[in-house]
Amino acid sequence: MIIEMRTYNIKTGSLKTFIDIYDKEIRETHVSILGNQIGFFYTEIGDLEQVVHLYGYDNFEERQKRRKILSENQQFKDYVLKVKDLILSQSNKLLYPTNFSKIQ
């Protein structure tokens, strides 16, 4: 399994708005297309106004296939247009488990 960790830095004062839009407008579609949502978090200490979400995939090819389907979904495209001005930056990491990780 690989874990995709996406981190979004949100404009100050816009965190609640960003999370509310995600929850009400795209969450169900997002999860149904990407599959295994391990978690969706926001920060309270350290770097503030961040949203971090984690998705698990069997392999890189599965991730690529699901991300392509999501990128072509009109509801997702509309969502991106709605939240793009709330996002300052984003980063993406693919995490691979060690042989002793609880998540394999």
C-alpha atoms as a PDB file:
ATOM      1  CA  MET A   1       0.000   0.000   0.000  1.00  0.00           C
ATOM      2  CA  ILE A   2       1.047   3.571  -0.580  1.00  0.00           C
ATOM      3  CA  ILE A   3      -0.337   6.577   1.248  1.00  0.00           C
ATOM      4  CA  GLU A   4      -0.881   9.891  -0.489  1.00  0.00           C
ATOM      5  CA  MET A   5      -0.607  12.855   1.869  1.00  0.00           C
ATOM      6  CA  ARG A   6      -1.918  16.149   0.510  1.00  0.00           C
ATOM      7  CA  THR A   7      -1.401  19.319   2.507  1.00  0.00           C
ATOM      8  CA  TYR A   8      -3.201  22.539   1.667  1.00  0.00           C
ATOM      9  CA  ASN A   9      -2.213  25.894   3.152  1.00  0.00           C
ATOM     10  CA  ILE A  10      -5.404  27.910   3.435  1.00  0.00           C
ATOM     11  CA  LYS A  11      -5.765  31.686   3.548  1.00  0.00           C
ATOM     12  CA  THR A  12      -5.987  33.025   7.095  1.00  0.00           C
ATOM     13  CA  GLY A  13      -9.576  33.024   8.309  1.00  0.00           C
ATOM     14  CA  SER A  14     -10.789  30.719   5.521  1.00  0.00           C
ATOM     15  CA  LEU A  15     -10.219  27.284   7.058  1.00  0.00           C
ATOM     16  CA  LYS A  16     -13.823  26.721   8.178  1.00  0.00           C
ATOM     17  CA  THR A  17     -15.149  27.875   4.805  1.00  0.00           C
ATOM     18  CA  PHE A  18     -12.786  25.520   2.947  1.00  0.00           C
ATOM     19  CA  ILE A  19     -13.747  22.525   5.106  1.00  0.00           C
ATOM     20  CA  ASP A  20     -17.475  23.327   4.878  1.00  0.00           C
ATOM     21  CA  ILE A  21     -17.354  23.561   1.078  1.00  0.00           C
ATOM     22  CA  TYR A  22     -15.452  20.259   0.882  1.00  0.00           C
ATOM     23  CA  ASP A  23     -17.881  18.516   3.232  1.00  0.00           C
ATOM     24  CA  LYS A  24     -21.071  19.774   1.605  1.00  0.00           C
ATOM     25  CA  GLU A  25     -20.115  19.845  -2.059  1.00  0.00           C
ATOM     26  CA  ILE A  26     -17.505  17.220  -2.935  1.00  0.00           C
ATOM     27  CA  ARG A  27     -16.648  14.906  -0.023  1.00  0.00           C
ATOM     28  CA  GLU A  28     -18.907  12.024  -1.035  1.00  0.00           C
ATOM     29  CA  THR A  29     -17.830  12.141  -4.688  1.00  0.00           C
ATOM     30  CA  HIS A  30     -14.184  12.599  -3.716  1.00  0.00           C
ATOM     31  CA  VAL A  31     -14.215   9.555  -1.438  1.00  0.00           C
ATOM     32  CA  SER A  32     -16.230   7.417  -3.853  1.00  0.00           C
ATOM     33  CA  ILE A  33     -13.709   8.042  -6.650  1.00  0.00           C
ATOM     34  CA  LEU A  34     -10.463   7.967  -4.664  1.00  0.00           C
ATOM     35  CA  GLY A  35     -11.541   5.161  -2.357  1.00  0.00           C
ATOM     36  CA  ASN A  36      -9.689   4.597   0.884  1.00  0.00           C
ATOM     37  CA  GLN A  37      -9.754   7.923   2.755  1.00  0.00           C
ATOM     38  CA  ILE A  38      -7.611   7.271   5.815  1.00  0.00           C
ATOM     39  CA  GLY A  39      -8.173  10.691   7.308  1.00  0.00           C
ATOM     40  CA  PHE A  40      -8.978  14.357   6.755  1.00  0.00           C
ATOM     41  CA  PHE A  41      -7.403  16.724   9.282  1.00  0.00           C
ATOM     42  CA  TYR A  42      -6.702  20.347  10.052  1.00  0.00           C
ATOM     43  CA  THR A  43      -3.878  21.814  12.122  1.00  0.00           C
ATOM     44  CA  GLU A  44      -4.177  23.643  15.408  1.00  0.00           C
ATOM     45  CA  ILE A  45      -0.526  23.860  16.549  1.00  0.00           C
ATOM     46  CA  GLY A  46       2.511  24.574  14.391  1.00  0.00           C
ATOM     47  CA  ASP A  47       1.730  25.640  10.842  1.00  0.00           C
ATOM     48  CA  LEU A  48      -1.832  26.892  11.128  1.00  0.00           C
ATOM     49  CA  GLU A  49      -4.613  27.002   8.540  1.00  0.00           C
ATOM     50  CA  GLN A  50      -3.573  23.688   7.014  1.00  0.00           C
ATOM     51  CA  VAL A  51      -5.739  20.832   5.791  1.00  0.00           C
ATOM     52  CA  VAL A  52      -4.135  17.414   5.441  1.00  0.00           C
ATOM     53  CA  HIS A  53      -5.810  14.408   3.919  1.00  0.00           C
ATOM     54  CA  LEU A  54      -4.544  10.873   3.513  1.00  0.00           C
ATOM     55  CA  TYR A  55      -5.610   8.283   0.963  1.00  0.00           C
ATOM     56  CA  GLY A  56      -4.417   4.698   0.699  1.00  0.00           C
ATOM     57  CA  TYR A  57      -3.860   2.920  -2.610  1.00  0.00           C
ATOM     58  CA  ASP A  58      -2.757  -0.606  -3.437  1.00  0.00           C
ATOM     59  CA  ASN A  59      -0.094   0.775  -5.788  1.00  0.00           C
ATOM     60  CA  PHE A  60       0.979   3.802  -7.830  1.00  0.00           C
ATOM     61  CA  GLU A  61      -0.986   2.703 -10.897  1.00  0.00           C
ATOM     62  CA  GLU A  62      -4.254   2.529  -8.931  1.00  0.00           C
ATOM     63  CA  ARG A  63      -3.581   6.032  -7.608  1.00  0.00           C
ATOM     64  CA  GLN A  64      -2.935   7.347 -11.120  1.00  0.00           C
ATOM     65  CA  LYS A  65      -6.142   5.776 -12.443  1.00  0.00           C
ATOM     66  CA  ARG A  66      -8.312   7.160  -9.642  1.00  0.00           C
ATOM     67  CA  ARG A  67      -6.730  10.651  -9.797  1.00  0.00           C
ATOM     68  CA  LYS A  68      -7.405  10.755 -13.560  1.00  0.00           C
ATOM     69  CA  ILE A  69     -11.067   9.866 -13.062  1.00  0.00           C
ATOM     70  CA  LEU A  70     -11.353  12.556 -10.377  1.00  0.00           C
ATOM     71  CA  SER A  71      -9.687  15.210 -12.547  1.00  0.00           C
ATOM     72  CA  GLU A  72     -12.255  14.564 -15.315  1.00  0.00           C
ATOM     73  CA  ASN A  73     -15.278  14.736 -12.973  1.00  0.00           C
ATOM     74  CA  GLN A  74     -17.318  17.916 -13.579  1.00  0.00           C
ATOM     75  CA  GLN A  75     -18.428  18.194  -9.944  1.00  0.00           C
ATOM     76  CA  PHE A  76     -14.770  18.126  -8.895  1.00  0.00           C
ATOM     77  CA  LYS A  77     -13.834  20.734 -11.514  1.00  0.00           C
ATOM     78  CA  ASP A  78     -16.580  23.021 -10.172  1.00  0.00           C
ATOM     79  CA  TYR A  79     -15.329  22.480  -6.619  1.00  0.00           C
ATOM     80  CA  VAL A  80     -11.757  23.392  -7.579  1.00  0.00           C
ATOM     81  CA  LEU A  81     -12.958  26.643  -9.153  1.00  0.00           C
ATOM     82  CA  LYS A  82     -14.865  27.443  -5.969  1.00  0.00           C
ATOM     83  CA  VAL A  83     -11.988  26.847  -3.514  1.00  0.00           C
ATOM     84  CA  LYS A  84      -8.926  27.815  -5.564  1.00  0.00           C
ATOM     85  CA  ASP A  85      -8.861  31.354  -4.159  1.00  0.00           C
ATOM     86  CA  LEU A  86      -8.911  29.969  -0.597  1.00  0.00           C
ATOM     87  CA  ILE A  87      -5.723  27.932  -1.165  1.00  0.00           C
ATOM     88  CA  LEU A  88      -2.326  29.584  -0.831  1.00  0.00           C
ATOM     89  CA  SER A  89      -0.321  26.479  -1.725  1.00  0.00           C
ATOM     90  CA  GLN A  90      -0.409  22.719  -1.638  1.00  0.00           C
ATOM     91  CA  SER A  91       2.083  19.898  -1.357  1.00  0.00           C
ATOM     92  CA  ASN A  92       1.767  16.248  -2.104  1.00  0.00           C
ATOM     93  CA  LYS A  93       3.769  13.278  -0.819  1.00  0.00           C
ATOM     94  CA  LEU A  94       3.587   9.581  -1.501  1.00  0.00           C
ATOM     95  CA  LEU A  95       4.477   7.554   1.571  1.00  0.00           C
ATOM     96  CA  TYR A  96       5.633   3.946   1.386  1.00  0.00           C
ATOM     97  CA  PRO A  97       5.407   1.744   4.484  1.00  0.00           C
ATOM     98  CA  THR A  98       8.362   0.110   6.136  1.00  0.00           C
ATOM     99  CA  ASN A  99       8.169  -3.650   6.647  1.00  0.00           C
ATOM    100  CA  PHE A 100       7.162  -3.043  10.300  1.00  0.00           C
ATOM    101  CA  SER A 101       4.497  -0.391   9.654  1.00  0.00           C
ATOM    102  CA  LYS A 102       1.019  -1.069  11.031  1.00  0.00           C
ATOM    103  CA  ILE A 103      -0.329   0.037   7.655  1.00  0.00           C
ATOM    104  CA  GLN A 104       0.862  -2.204   4.855  1.00  0.00           C
END
